[in-house]
Amino acid sequence: MIKDIENKFKNFVPYINGFQNMKRASVLIPLIEKDNSCEILFEVRAKTLRRQPNEISFPGGKIEKGEKPIDACIRETCEELGTIPENIEIISPLDLYINHSNLIIHPYVGVIKDAEHLSINTAEVDHTFTAPVHYLMDYSPEEFENEIKIDPSDDFPYDRIPNKKNYKFAVGKYPVLFYEYKNYIIWGITARILENFLTLLKK
């Protein structure tokens, strides 16, 4: 029996408990060279989109069944920015982002080698803009901390746990960051992924 278990886990690569029931996406932090400066390219989502219209994001999207996160990152970036895989050089994966709505995001940082000949998909992207990395590294974002609370269902079986209805579920914290650059507000998930990249860059 032990040998069978050893064989089962021989090539096991750990991931995230329960990922099969979670949404998975992949995004790229695209770096470009502009006027002898390293800048990050951001998208402003199309106003006609059903989810988060007109908000700022990184290129990326859903990881399809059987698709590797890095392949989804490159595919979605090509679809949204109107470029080809050969124009994207992936530097590194970043820390996974997991939020309270059962979403896993695989972020990557990479270089768009030719940013002058992009043909953005206007069905998804209204326009793009860039912000210098040095500006963002020196910027201190505003942070607002929210609480995440468990709201048990009406049929939750309190009789099966100690303390019954006096049981106290732990309260989680959900910080929301805001970066400002010119007339743009970078916030939410995009800001959290941006912060992770900038923090790693400062180490």
N, C-alpha and C. Protein backbone atom coordinates (compact mmCIF):
# COMPACT_ATOMS: atom_id res chain seq x y z
N MET A 1 0.82 -1.21 0.00
CA MET A 1 0.00 0.00 0.00
C MET A 1 0.86 1.27 0.00
N ILE A 2 1.90 1.30 0.86
CA ILE A 2 2.78 2.46 0.92
C ILE A 2 3.50 2.64 -0.42
N LYS A 3 3.92 1.51 -1.02
CA LYS A 3 4.61 1.59 -2.31
C LYS A 3 3.69 2.19 -3.37
N ASP A 4 2.41 1.80 -3.33
CA ASP A 4 1.44 2.35 -4.29
C ASP A 4 1.30 3.86 -4.12
N ILE A 5 1.30 4.31 -2.86
CA ILE A 5 1.19 5.75 -2.60
C ILE A 5 2.44 6.48 -3.07
N GLU A 6 3.60 5.88 -2.84
CA GLU A 6 4.86 6.47 -3.31
C GLU A 6 4.85 6.63 -4.83
N ASN A 7 4.37 5.59 -5.53
CA ASN A 7 4.31 5.64 -6.99
C ASN A 7 3.33 6.71 -7.47
N LYS A 8 2.20 6.83 -6.75
CA LYS A 8 1.18 7.81 -7.13
C LYS A 8 1.73 9.24 -7.06
N PHE A 9 2.58 9.49 -6.07
CA PHE A 9 3.09 10.84 -5.86
C PHE A 9 4.49 11.07 -6.42
N LYS A 10 4.99 10.11 -7.17
CA LYS A 10 6.36 10.17 -7.66
C LYS A 10 6.63 11.44 -8.48
N ASN A 11 5.71 11.79 -9.36
CA ASN A 11 5.90 12.97 -10.22
C ASN A 11 4.89 14.08 -9.90
N PHE A 12 4.37 14.04 -8.68
CA PHE A 12 3.34 15.01 -8.30
C PHE A 12 3.93 16.42 -8.18
N VAL A 13 3.25 17.38 -8.79
CA VAL A 13 3.64 18.80 -8.67
C VAL A 13 2.53 19.51 -7.91
N PRO A 14 2.79 20.00 -6.69
CA PRO A 14 1.73 20.64 -5.90
C PRO A 14 1.25 21.93 -6.55
N TYR A 15 -0.02 22.24 -6.31
CA TYR A 15 -0.59 23.47 -6.88
C TYR A 15 -1.47 24.10 -5.82
N ILE A 16 -2.74 24.28 -6.05
CA ILE A 16 -3.64 24.95 -5.12
C ILE A 16 -4.81 24.02 -4.81
N ASN A 17 -5.02 23.77 -3.54
CA ASN A 17 -6.10 22.91 -3.10
C ASN A 17 -7.45 23.46 -3.59
N GLY A 18 -8.18 22.63 -4.34
CA GLY A 18 -9.50 23.03 -4.83
C GLY A 18 -9.50 23.78 -6.14
N PHE A 19 -8.35 23.82 -6.83
CA PHE A 19 -8.26 24.61 -8.06
C PHE A 19 -9.24 24.14 -9.14
N GLN A 20 -9.65 22.86 -9.06
CA GLN A 20 -10.56 22.34 -10.09
C GLN A 20 -11.89 23.10 -10.11
N ASN A 21 -12.26 23.69 -8.99
CA ASN A 21 -13.53 24.43 -8.89
C ASN A 21 -13.33 25.93 -8.93
N MET A 22 -12.15 26.37 -9.36
CA MET A 22 -11.86 27.80 -9.40
C MET A 22 -11.66 28.27 -10.83
N LYS A 23 -11.85 29.56 -11.04
CA LYS A 23 -11.58 30.16 -12.35
C LYS A 23 -10.08 30.44 -12.44
N ARG A 24 -9.52 30.22 -13.62
CA ARG A 24 -8.09 30.42 -13.79
C ARG A 24 -7.83 31.33 -14.98
N ALA A 25 -6.91 32.28 -14.77
CA ALA A 25 -6.55 33.22 -15.83
C ALA A 25 -5.05 33.47 -15.80
N SER A 26 -4.57 34.11 -16.83
CA SER A 26 -3.16 34.43 -16.94
C SER A 26 -3.02 35.82 -17.54
N VAL A 27 -2.09 36.63 -17.00
CA VAL A 27 -1.90 37.99 -17.51
C VAL A 27 -0.42 38.28 -17.70
N LEU A 28 -0.16 39.30 -18.49
CA LEU A 28 1.22 39.73 -18.75
C LEU A 28 1.40 41.17 -18.30
N ILE A 29 2.48 41.43 -17.56
CA ILE A 29 2.92 42.80 -17.35
C ILE A 29 3.89 43.10 -18.49
N PRO A 30 3.44 43.87 -19.49
CA PRO A 30 4.27 44.08 -20.69
C PRO A 30 5.22 45.27 -20.52
N LEU A 31 6.50 45.01 -20.63
CA LEU A 31 7.51 46.06 -20.57
C LEU A 31 7.89 46.49 -21.98
N ILE A 32 8.09 47.80 -22.15
CA ILE A 32 8.56 48.31 -23.44
C ILE A 32 9.66 49.33 -23.20
N GLU A 33 10.52 49.49 -24.21
CA GLU A 33 11.52 50.56 -24.18
C GLU A 33 10.93 51.77 -24.86
N LYS A 34 10.96 52.92 -24.16
CA LYS A 34 10.38 54.15 -24.71
C LYS A 34 11.22 55.34 -24.28
N ASP A 35 11.81 56.01 -25.25
CA ASP A 35 12.63 57.20 -24.96
C ASP A 35 13.68 56.89 -23.89
N ASN A 36 14.40 55.79 -24.08
CA ASN A 36 15.45 55.36 -23.15
C ASN A 36 14.93 55.08 -21.74
N SER A 37 13.64 54.79 -21.64
CA SER A 37 13.03 54.47 -20.36
C SER A 37 12.31 53.13 -20.47
N CYS A 38 12.30 52.38 -19.36
CA CYS A 38 11.53 51.14 -19.32
C CYS A 38 10.15 51.47 -18.80
N GLU A 39 9.12 51.14 -19.57
CA GLU A 39 7.76 51.49 -19.20
C GLU A 39 6.87 50.25 -19.22
N ILE A 40 5.78 50.34 -18.46
CA ILE A 40 4.79 49.27 -18.44
C ILE A 40 3.61 49.70 -19.30
N LEU A 41 3.17 48.80 -20.17
CA LEU A 41 2.01 49.07 -21.02
C LEU A 41 0.75 48.57 -20.32
N PHE A 42 -0.23 49.44 -20.22
CA PHE A 42 -1.53 49.10 -19.62
C PHE A 42 -2.62 49.20 -20.68
N GLU A 43 -3.66 48.41 -20.51
CA GLU A 43 -4.84 48.50 -21.37
C GLU A 43 -5.96 49.22 -20.64
N VAL A 44 -6.76 49.98 -21.39
CA VAL A 44 -8.03 50.49 -20.89
C VAL A 44 -9.11 49.67 -21.58
N ARG A 45 -9.86 48.93 -20.80
CA ARG A 45 -10.83 48.00 -21.35
C ARG A 45 -11.93 48.75 -22.12
N ALA A 46 -12.43 48.10 -23.15
CA ALA A 46 -13.47 48.71 -23.98
C ALA A 46 -14.72 49.04 -23.16
N LYS A 47 -15.34 50.15 -23.51
CA LYS A 47 -16.55 50.60 -22.79
C LYS A 47 -17.73 49.66 -23.00
N THR A 48 -17.69 48.85 -24.04
CA THR A 48 -18.81 47.96 -24.36
C THR A 48 -18.74 46.60 -23.68
N LEU A 49 -17.66 46.32 -22.95
CA LEU A 49 -17.54 45.03 -22.28
C LEU A 49 -18.52 44.92 -21.12
N ARG A 50 -19.01 43.71 -20.88
CA ARG A 50 -19.96 43.51 -19.79
C ARG A 50 -19.30 43.57 -18.42
N ARG A 51 -18.04 43.13 -18.34
CA ARG A 51 -17.34 43.11 -17.05
C ARG A 51 -16.22 44.14 -17.04
N GLN A 52 -16.21 44.95 -16.00
CA GLN A 52 -15.19 46.00 -15.80
C GLN A 52 -14.93 46.87 -17.05
N PRO A 53 -16.00 47.39 -17.67
CA PRO A 53 -15.76 48.27 -18.82
C PRO A 53 -14.99 49.52 -18.41
N ASN A 54 -14.09 49.96 -19.30
CA ASN A 54 -13.34 51.21 -19.13
C ASN A 54 -12.35 51.17 -17.96
N GLU A 55 -12.12 50.00 -17.36
CA GLU A 55 -11.14 49.90 -16.29
C GLU A 55 -9.77 49.54 -16.86
N ILE A 56 -8.75 49.76 -16.06
CA ILE A 56 -7.38 49.52 -16.50
C ILE A 56 -6.97 48.10 -16.14
N SER A 57 -6.31 47.44 -17.07
CA SER A 57 -5.92 46.05 -16.84
C SER A 57 -4.62 45.74 -17.58
N PHE A 58 -4.10 44.55 -17.31
CA PHE A 58 -3.02 44.00 -18.11
C PHE A 58 -3.63 43.08 -19.16
N PRO A 59 -2.95 42.88 -20.29
CA PRO A 59 -3.46 41.90 -21.25
C PRO A 59 -3.47 40.51 -20.65
N GLY A 60 -4.51 39.75 -20.96
CA GLY A 60 -4.60 38.40 -20.43
C GLY A 60 -6.04 37.93 -20.39
N GLY A 61 -6.24 36.72 -19.92
CA GLY A 61 -7.60 36.18 -19.86
C GLY A 61 -7.61 34.73 -19.42
N LYS A 62 -8.70 34.08 -19.71
CA LYS A 62 -8.98 32.73 -19.23
C LYS A 62 -7.98 31.70 -19.76
N ILE A 63 -7.57 30.81 -18.87
CA ILE A 63 -6.75 29.66 -19.27
C ILE A 63 -7.70 28.57 -19.75
N GLU A 64 -7.59 28.21 -20.99
CA GLU A 64 -8.47 27.19 -21.57
C GLU A 64 -8.09 25.80 -21.07
N LYS A 65 -9.04 24.88 -21.15
CA LYS A 65 -8.81 23.50 -20.71
C LYS A 65 -7.63 22.90 -21.45
N GLY A 66 -6.69 22.35 -20.69
CA GLY A 66 -5.52 21.72 -21.27
C GLY A 66 -4.42 22.69 -21.67
N GLU A 67 -4.63 23.99 -21.43
CA GLU A 67 -3.67 25.00 -21.83
C GLU A 67 -2.75 25.35 -20.66
N LYS A 68 -1.48 25.56 -20.93
CA LYS A 68 -0.55 25.99 -19.90
C LYS A 68 -0.74 27.49 -19.64
N PRO A 69 -0.54 27.93 -18.40
CA PRO A 69 -0.71 29.35 -18.10
C PRO A 69 0.13 30.27 -18.98
N ILE A 70 1.36 29.91 -19.24
CA ILE A 70 2.22 30.77 -20.06
C ILE A 70 1.70 30.87 -21.49
N ASP A 71 1.13 29.77 -22.00
CA ASP A 71 0.58 29.79 -23.36
C ASP A 71 -0.67 30.67 -23.41
N ALA A 72 -1.49 30.61 -22.35
CA ALA A 72 -2.68 31.47 -22.29
C ALA A 72 -2.27 32.94 -22.23
N CYS A 73 -1.23 33.22 -21.47
CA CYS A 73 -0.72 34.59 -21.36
C CYS A 73 -0.32 35.14 -22.72
N ILE A 74 0.45 34.37 -23.46
CA ILE A 74 0.92 34.82 -24.78
C ILE A 74 -0.24 34.91 -25.77
N ARG A 75 -1.12 33.90 -25.76
CA ARG A 75 -2.26 33.91 -26.69
C ARG A 75 -3.15 35.12 -26.46
N GLU A 76 -3.52 35.35 -25.20
CA GLU A 76 -4.42 36.47 -24.89
C GLU A 76 -3.76 37.81 -25.19
N THR A 77 -2.47 37.93 -24.92
CA THR A 77 -1.77 39.18 -25.22
C THR A 77 -1.76 39.45 -26.72
N CYS A 78 -1.52 38.41 -27.49
CA CYS A 78 -1.54 38.56 -28.95
C CYS A 78 -2.93 38.96 -29.45
N GLU A 79 -3.96 38.34 -28.90
CA GLU A 79 -5.33 38.64 -29.32
C GLU A 79 -5.72 40.07 -28.99
N GLU A 80 -5.32 40.55 -27.82
CA GLU A 80 -5.75 41.88 -27.37
C GLU A 80 -4.90 43.01 -27.95
N LEU A 81 -3.60 42.78 -28.07
CA LEU A 81 -2.72 43.84 -28.56
C LEU A 81 -2.46 43.76 -30.06
N GLY A 82 -2.90 42.68 -30.68
CA GLY A 82 -2.69 42.55 -32.12
C GLY A 82 -1.22 42.39 -32.47
N THR A 83 -0.60 41.36 -31.89
CA THR A 83 0.80 41.10 -32.18
C THR A 83 0.99 39.60 -32.35
N ILE A 84 2.24 39.16 -32.40
CA ILE A 84 2.55 37.74 -32.62
C ILE A 84 3.43 37.23 -31.47
N PRO A 85 3.41 35.92 -31.23
CA PRO A 85 4.20 35.37 -30.11
C PRO A 85 5.68 35.73 -30.17
N GLU A 86 6.21 35.82 -31.38
CA GLU A 86 7.65 36.14 -31.53
C GLU A 86 7.99 37.54 -31.04
N ASN A 87 6.97 38.37 -30.88
CA ASN A 87 7.19 39.75 -30.41
C ASN A 87 7.16 39.86 -28.89
N ILE A 88 6.92 38.72 -28.22
CA ILE A 88 6.81 38.71 -26.77
C ILE A 88 7.93 37.86 -26.18
N GLU A 89 8.70 38.44 -25.29
CA GLU A 89 9.77 37.71 -24.60
C GLU A 89 9.42 37.63 -23.12
N ILE A 90 9.06 36.45 -22.65
CA ILE A 90 8.71 36.27 -21.24
C ILE A 90 9.99 36.27 -20.39
N ILE A 91 10.00 37.13 -19.36
CA ILE A 91 11.15 37.19 -18.46
C ILE A 91 11.00 36.21 -17.30
N SER A 92 9.81 36.23 -16.68
CA SER A 92 9.62 35.38 -15.50
C SER A 92 8.16 35.32 -15.11
N PRO A 93 7.75 34.20 -14.50
CA PRO A 93 6.44 34.20 -13.83
C PRO A 93 6.55 35.03 -12.55
N LEU A 94 5.43 35.53 -12.06
CA LEU A 94 5.37 36.24 -10.79
C LEU A 94 4.56 35.41 -9.80
N ASP A 95 4.38 35.92 -8.60
CA ASP A 95 3.60 35.19 -7.60
C ASP A 95 2.16 35.03 -8.06
N LEU A 96 1.59 33.86 -7.81
CA LEU A 96 0.18 33.63 -8.12
C LEU A 96 -0.69 34.58 -7.32
N TYR A 97 -1.79 35.02 -7.94
CA TYR A 97 -2.76 35.86 -7.23
C TYR A 97 -4.05 35.05 -7.07
N ILE A 98 -4.53 34.96 -5.82
CA ILE A 98 -5.77 34.24 -5.54
C ILE A 98 -6.67 35.16 -4.74
N ASN A 99 -7.92 35.33 -5.19
CA ASN A 99 -8.80 36.23 -4.44
C ASN A 99 -10.01 35.50 -3.87
N HIS A 100 -10.85 36.26 -3.20
CA HIS A 100 -11.98 35.69 -2.46
C HIS A 100 -13.08 35.16 -3.36
N SER A 101 -13.04 35.49 -4.66
CA SER A 101 -14.10 35.03 -5.56
C SER A 101 -13.69 33.79 -6.35
N ASN A 102 -12.78 32.99 -5.75
CA ASN A 102 -12.34 31.74 -6.36
C ASN A 102 -11.66 31.95 -7.72
N LEU A 103 -10.81 32.96 -7.78
CA LEU A 103 -10.07 33.27 -8.99
C LEU A 103 -8.58 33.08 -8.75
N ILE A 104 -7.93 32.33 -9.64
CA ILE A 104 -6.47 32.17 -9.63
C ILE A 104 -5.92 32.87 -10.86
N ILE A 105 -4.94 33.76 -10.66
CA ILE A 105 -4.30 34.42 -11.80
C ILE A 105 -2.81 34.09 -11.80
N HIS A 106 -2.33 33.67 -12.96
CA HIS A 106 -0.90 33.43 -13.17
C HIS A 106 -0.31 34.66 -13.88
N PRO A 107 0.39 35.53 -13.16
CA PRO A 107 0.98 36.70 -13.82
C PRO A 107 2.40 36.40 -14.33
N TYR A 108 2.74 37.05 -15.43
CA TYR A 108 4.09 36.98 -15.99
C TYR A 108 4.55 38.40 -16.27
N VAL A 109 5.86 38.58 -16.28
CA VAL A 109 6.43 39.84 -16.76
C VAL A 109 7.24 39.52 -18.01
N GLY A 110 7.11 40.37 -19.01
CA GLY A 110 7.79 40.12 -20.27
C GLY A 110 7.98 41.39 -21.06
N VAL A 111 8.65 41.27 -22.17
CA VAL A 111 8.98 42.41 -23.02
C VAL A 111 8.20 42.34 -24.32
N ILE A 112 7.59 43.46 -24.69
CA ILE A 112 7.05 43.62 -26.05
C ILE A 112 8.17 44.26 -26.87
N LYS A 113 8.77 43.48 -27.74
CA LYS A 113 9.97 43.94 -28.43
C LYS A 113 9.68 45.06 -29.43
N ASP A 114 8.56 44.99 -30.12
CA ASP A 114 8.16 46.05 -31.04
C ASP A 114 6.77 46.54 -30.63
N ALA A 115 6.74 47.68 -29.96
CA ALA A 115 5.47 48.24 -29.50
C ALA A 115 4.92 49.29 -30.45
N GLU A 116 5.63 49.54 -31.53
CA GLU A 116 5.22 50.58 -32.48
C GLU A 116 4.19 50.07 -33.48
N HIS A 117 4.10 48.76 -33.65
CA HIS A 117 3.22 48.21 -34.69
C HIS A 117 2.16 47.28 -34.10
N LEU A 118 1.63 47.65 -32.94
CA LEU A 118 0.54 46.89 -32.36
C LEU A 118 -0.77 47.31 -33.03
N SER A 119 -1.69 46.37 -33.12
CA SER A 119 -3.00 46.65 -33.71
C SER A 119 -4.06 46.15 -32.72
N ILE A 120 -4.41 47.00 -31.74
CA ILE A 120 -5.24 46.55 -30.64
C ILE A 120 -6.62 46.12 -31.10
N ASN A 121 -7.14 45.13 -30.40
CA ASN A 121 -8.48 44.61 -30.67
C ASN A 121 -9.48 45.54 -29.98
N THR A 122 -10.11 46.42 -30.73
CA THR A 122 -10.98 47.44 -30.15
C THR A 122 -12.27 46.87 -29.56
N ALA A 123 -12.57 45.60 -29.84
CA ALA A 123 -13.73 44.97 -29.20
C ALA A 123 -13.44 44.73 -27.72
N GLU A 124 -12.17 44.64 -27.37
CA GLU A 124 -11.78 44.38 -25.98
C GLU A 124 -11.02 45.52 -25.35
N VAL A 125 -10.29 46.28 -26.16
CA VAL A 125 -9.40 47.32 -25.63
C VAL A 125 -9.75 48.67 -26.25
N ASP A 126 -10.05 49.65 -25.40
CA ASP A 126 -10.35 51.00 -25.89
C ASP A 126 -9.07 51.68 -26.37
N HIS A 127 -8.05 51.65 -25.52
CA HIS A 127 -6.74 52.17 -25.89
C HIS A 127 -5.71 51.70 -24.87
N THR A 128 -4.45 51.97 -25.14
CA THR A 128 -3.38 51.62 -24.23
C THR A 128 -2.63 52.89 -23.80
N PHE A 129 -1.89 52.77 -22.72
CA PHE A 129 -0.98 53.85 -22.32
C PHE A 129 0.19 53.21 -21.59
N THR A 130 1.25 53.95 -21.38
CA THR A 130 2.40 53.43 -20.67
C THR A 130 2.75 54.33 -19.48
N ALA A 131 3.36 53.73 -18.48
CA ALA A 131 3.84 54.45 -17.30
C ALA A 131 5.25 53.99 -16.99
N PRO A 132 6.14 54.91 -16.69
CA PRO A 132 7.54 54.53 -16.42
C PRO A 132 7.67 53.67 -15.16
N VAL A 133 8.49 52.64 -15.25
CA VAL A 133 8.72 51.77 -14.11
C VAL A 133 9.28 52.56 -12.93
N HIS A 134 10.20 53.50 -13.20
CA HIS A 134 10.81 54.26 -12.09
C HIS A 134 9.78 55.11 -11.37
N TYR A 135 8.79 55.62 -12.10
CA TYR A 135 7.72 56.40 -11.46
C TYR A 135 6.90 55.50 -10.53
N LEU A 136 6.53 54.34 -11.02
CA LEU A 136 5.70 53.43 -10.22
C LEU A 136 6.46 52.88 -9.02
N MET A 137 7.76 52.68 -9.15
CA MET A 137 8.55 52.19 -8.03
C MET A 137 8.63 53.22 -6.91
N ASP A 138 8.63 54.50 -7.27
CA ASP A 138 8.71 55.57 -6.28
C ASP A 138 7.35 55.96 -5.72
N TYR A 139 6.28 55.45 -6.31
CA TYR A 139 4.93 55.85 -5.94
C TYR A 139 4.44 55.03 -4.74
N SER A 140 3.79 55.69 -3.82
CA SER A 140 3.19 54.99 -2.67
C SER A 140 1.69 54.93 -2.87
N PRO A 141 1.16 53.77 -3.23
CA PRO A 141 -0.28 53.68 -3.51
C PRO A 141 -1.11 53.85 -2.25
N GLU A 142 -2.31 54.40 -2.41
CA GLU A 142 -3.26 54.44 -1.30
C GLU A 142 -3.79 53.02 -1.08
N GLU A 143 -4.00 52.67 0.18
CA GLU A 143 -4.51 51.34 0.49
C GLU A 143 -5.74 51.44 1.38
N PHE A 144 -6.77 50.70 0.99
CA PHE A 144 -8.00 50.65 1.76
C PHE A 144 -8.26 49.19 2.12
N GLU A 145 -8.41 48.93 3.42
CA GLU A 145 -8.56 47.55 3.86
C GLU A 145 -10.03 47.21 4.11
N ASN A 146 -10.49 46.18 3.46
CA ASN A 146 -11.86 45.70 3.62
C ASN A 146 -11.86 44.37 4.37
N GLU A 147 -13.01 44.01 4.92
CA GLU A 147 -13.15 42.74 5.61
C GLU A 147 -13.92 41.75 4.76
N ILE A 148 -13.52 40.49 4.86
CA ILE A 148 -14.25 39.40 4.22
C ILE A 148 -14.78 38.50 5.33
N LYS A 149 -16.09 38.34 5.35
CA LYS A 149 -16.72 37.57 6.43
C LYS A 149 -17.45 36.35 5.87
N ILE A 150 -17.49 35.29 6.65
CA ILE A 150 -18.23 34.09 6.30
C ILE A 150 -19.71 34.31 6.66
N ASP A 151 -20.58 34.08 5.69
CA ASP A 151 -22.03 34.16 5.92
C ASP A 151 -22.58 32.74 5.76
N PRO A 152 -22.66 31.97 6.85
CA PRO A 152 -23.08 30.56 6.74
C PRO A 152 -24.49 30.44 6.15
N SER A 153 -24.69 29.37 5.40
CA SER A 153 -26.01 29.11 4.82
C SER A 153 -27.01 28.77 5.93
N ASP A 154 -28.29 28.91 5.62
CA ASP A 154 -29.34 28.65 6.61
C ASP A 154 -29.32 27.21 7.12
N ASP A 155 -28.84 26.29 6.27
CA ASP A 155 -28.83 24.89 6.69
C ASP A 155 -27.45 24.42 7.16
N PHE A 156 -26.58 25.36 7.52
CA PHE A 156 -25.25 24.98 7.99
C PHE A 156 -25.38 24.12 9.24
N PRO A 157 -24.72 22.95 9.30
CA PRO A 157 -24.89 22.00 10.42
C PRO A 157 -24.07 22.38 11.66
N TYR A 158 -24.51 23.41 12.36
CA TYR A 158 -23.81 23.84 13.57
C TYR A 158 -23.72 22.71 14.60
N ASP A 159 -24.69 21.78 14.59
CA ASP A 159 -24.70 20.72 15.59
C ASP A 159 -23.53 19.75 15.44
N ARG A 160 -22.82 19.85 14.32
CA ARG A 160 -21.70 18.94 14.10
C ARG A 160 -20.36 19.52 14.53
N ILE A 161 -20.34 20.75 14.98
CA ILE A 161 -19.07 21.38 15.36
C ILE A 161 -19.12 21.85 16.82
N PRO A 162 -17.96 22.00 17.45
CA PRO A 162 -17.93 22.51 18.83
C PRO A 162 -18.50 23.93 18.90
N ASN A 163 -19.02 24.29 20.04
CA ASN A 163 -19.54 25.62 20.33
C ASN A 163 -20.82 25.95 19.57
N LYS A 164 -21.21 25.06 18.67
CA LYS A 164 -22.45 25.21 17.94
C LYS A 164 -22.64 26.64 17.40
N LYS A 165 -23.75 27.33 17.72
CA LYS A 165 -24.00 28.62 17.09
C LYS A 165 -23.15 29.76 17.65
N ASN A 166 -22.32 29.46 18.65
CA ASN A 166 -21.39 30.48 19.13
C ASN A 166 -20.06 30.44 18.38
N TYR A 167 -19.98 29.53 17.42
CA TYR A 167 -18.73 29.40 16.67
C TYR A 167 -18.43 30.68 15.91
N LYS A 168 -17.19 31.14 16.00
CA LYS A 168 -16.78 32.37 15.34
C LYS A 168 -15.88 32.04 14.15
N PHE A 169 -16.37 32.32 12.94
CA PHE A 169 -15.56 32.13 11.75
C PHE A 169 -14.53 33.27 11.66
N ALA A 170 -13.35 32.94 11.21
CA ALA A 170 -12.30 33.95 11.08
C ALA A 170 -12.70 34.99 10.03
N VAL A 171 -12.32 36.24 10.28
CA VAL A 171 -12.58 37.33 9.34
C VAL A 171 -11.31 37.58 8.54
N GLY A 172 -11.44 37.65 7.21
CA GLY A 172 -10.29 37.90 6.35
C GLY A 172 -10.13 39.37 6.02
N LYS A 173 -8.97 39.71 5.51
CA LYS A 173 -8.68 41.08 5.09
C LYS A 173 -8.52 41.13 3.58
N TYR A 174 -9.04 42.16 2.96
CA TYR A 174 -8.92 42.31 1.51
C TYR A 174 -8.48 43.74 1.20
N PRO A 175 -7.17 43.97 1.09
CA PRO A 175 -6.69 45.32 0.80
C PRO A 175 -6.92 45.69 -0.67
N VAL A 176 -7.31 46.92 -0.91
CA VAL A 176 -7.50 47.44 -2.26
C VAL A 176 -6.55 48.62 -2.44
N LEU A 177 -5.72 48.56 -3.48
CA LEU A 177 -4.71 49.58 -3.74
C LEU A 177 -5.13 50.49 -4.88
N PHE A 178 -4.66 51.74 -4.82
CA PHE A 178 -4.91 52.70 -5.88
C PHE A 178 -3.60 53.39 -6.27
N TYR A 179 -3.22 53.22 -7.54
CA TYR A 179 -2.11 53.97 -8.12
C TYR A 179 -2.70 55.02 -9.05
N GLU A 180 -2.08 56.20 -9.11
CA GLU A 180 -2.50 57.23 -10.06
C GLU A 180 -1.33 57.61 -10.95
N TYR A 181 -1.61 57.71 -12.23
CA TYR A 181 -0.61 58.19 -13.20
C TYR A 181 -1.33 59.05 -14.22
N LYS A 182 -0.95 60.33 -14.25
CA LYS A 182 -1.64 61.29 -15.10
C LYS A 182 -3.14 61.24 -14.79
N ASN A 183 -3.98 60.95 -15.78
CA ASN A 183 -5.43 60.90 -15.52
C ASN A 183 -5.94 59.47 -15.32
N TYR A 184 -5.04 58.53 -15.09
CA TYR A 184 -5.41 57.13 -14.99
C TYR A 184 -5.39 56.65 -13.53
N ILE A 185 -6.36 55.83 -13.18
CA ILE A 185 -6.42 55.20 -11.87
C ILE A 185 -6.24 53.70 -12.06
N ILE A 186 -5.17 53.16 -11.49
CA ILE A 186 -4.88 51.73 -11.55
C ILE A 186 -5.23 51.15 -10.19
N TRP A 187 -6.20 50.26 -10.15
CA TRP A 187 -6.66 49.76 -8.86
C TRP A 187 -7.07 48.30 -8.97
N GLY A 188 -7.56 47.75 -7.84
CA GLY A 188 -8.09 46.38 -7.84
C GLY A 188 -7.03 45.33 -8.08
N ILE A 189 -7.40 44.28 -8.81
CA ILE A 189 -6.50 43.16 -9.07
C ILE A 189 -5.26 43.62 -9.83
N THR A 190 -5.45 44.52 -10.80
CA THR A 190 -4.30 45.02 -11.58
C THR A 190 -3.28 45.67 -10.66
N ALA A 191 -3.76 46.47 -9.70
CA ALA A 191 -2.86 47.14 -8.77
C ALA A 191 -2.15 46.14 -7.87
N ARG A 192 -2.85 45.07 -7.45
CA ARG A 192 -2.22 44.06 -6.59
C ARG A 192 -1.11 43.31 -7.34
N ILE A 193 -1.35 42.98 -8.59
CA ILE A 193 -0.33 42.29 -9.38
C ILE A 193 0.83 43.24 -9.67
N LEU A 194 0.52 44.50 -9.95
CA LEU A 194 1.56 45.51 -10.17
C LEU A 194 2.42 45.66 -8.93
N GLU A 195 1.78 45.74 -7.77
CA GLU A 195 2.52 45.90 -6.51
C GLU A 195 3.47 44.72 -6.28
N ASN A 196 3.00 43.51 -6.56
CA ASN A 196 3.85 42.33 -6.39
C ASN A 196 5.11 42.44 -7.26
N PHE A 197 4.93 42.83 -8.51
CA PHE A 197 6.06 42.99 -9.42
C PHE A 197 7.02 44.06 -8.92
N LEU A 198 6.50 45.20 -8.50
CA LEU A 198 7.36 46.30 -8.04
C LEU A 198 8.09 45.92 -6.75
N THR A 199 7.41 45.19 -5.87
CA THR A 199 8.06 44.75 -4.63
C THR A 199 9.22 43.80 -4.91
N LEU A 200 9.00 42.86 -5.83
CA LEU A 200 10.07 41.94 -6.21
C LEU A 200 11.23 42.68 -6.87
N LEU A 201 10.89 43.72 -7.62
CA LEU A 201 11.91 44.49 -8.32
C LEU A 201 12.79 45.28 -7.34
N LYS A 202 12.20 45.70 -6.23
CA LYS A 202 12.94 46.50 -5.24
C LYS A 202 13.87 45.67 -4.36
N LYS A 203 13.67 44.36 -4.32
CA LYS A 203 14.48 43.51 -3.43
C LYS A 203 15.93 43.42 -3.92
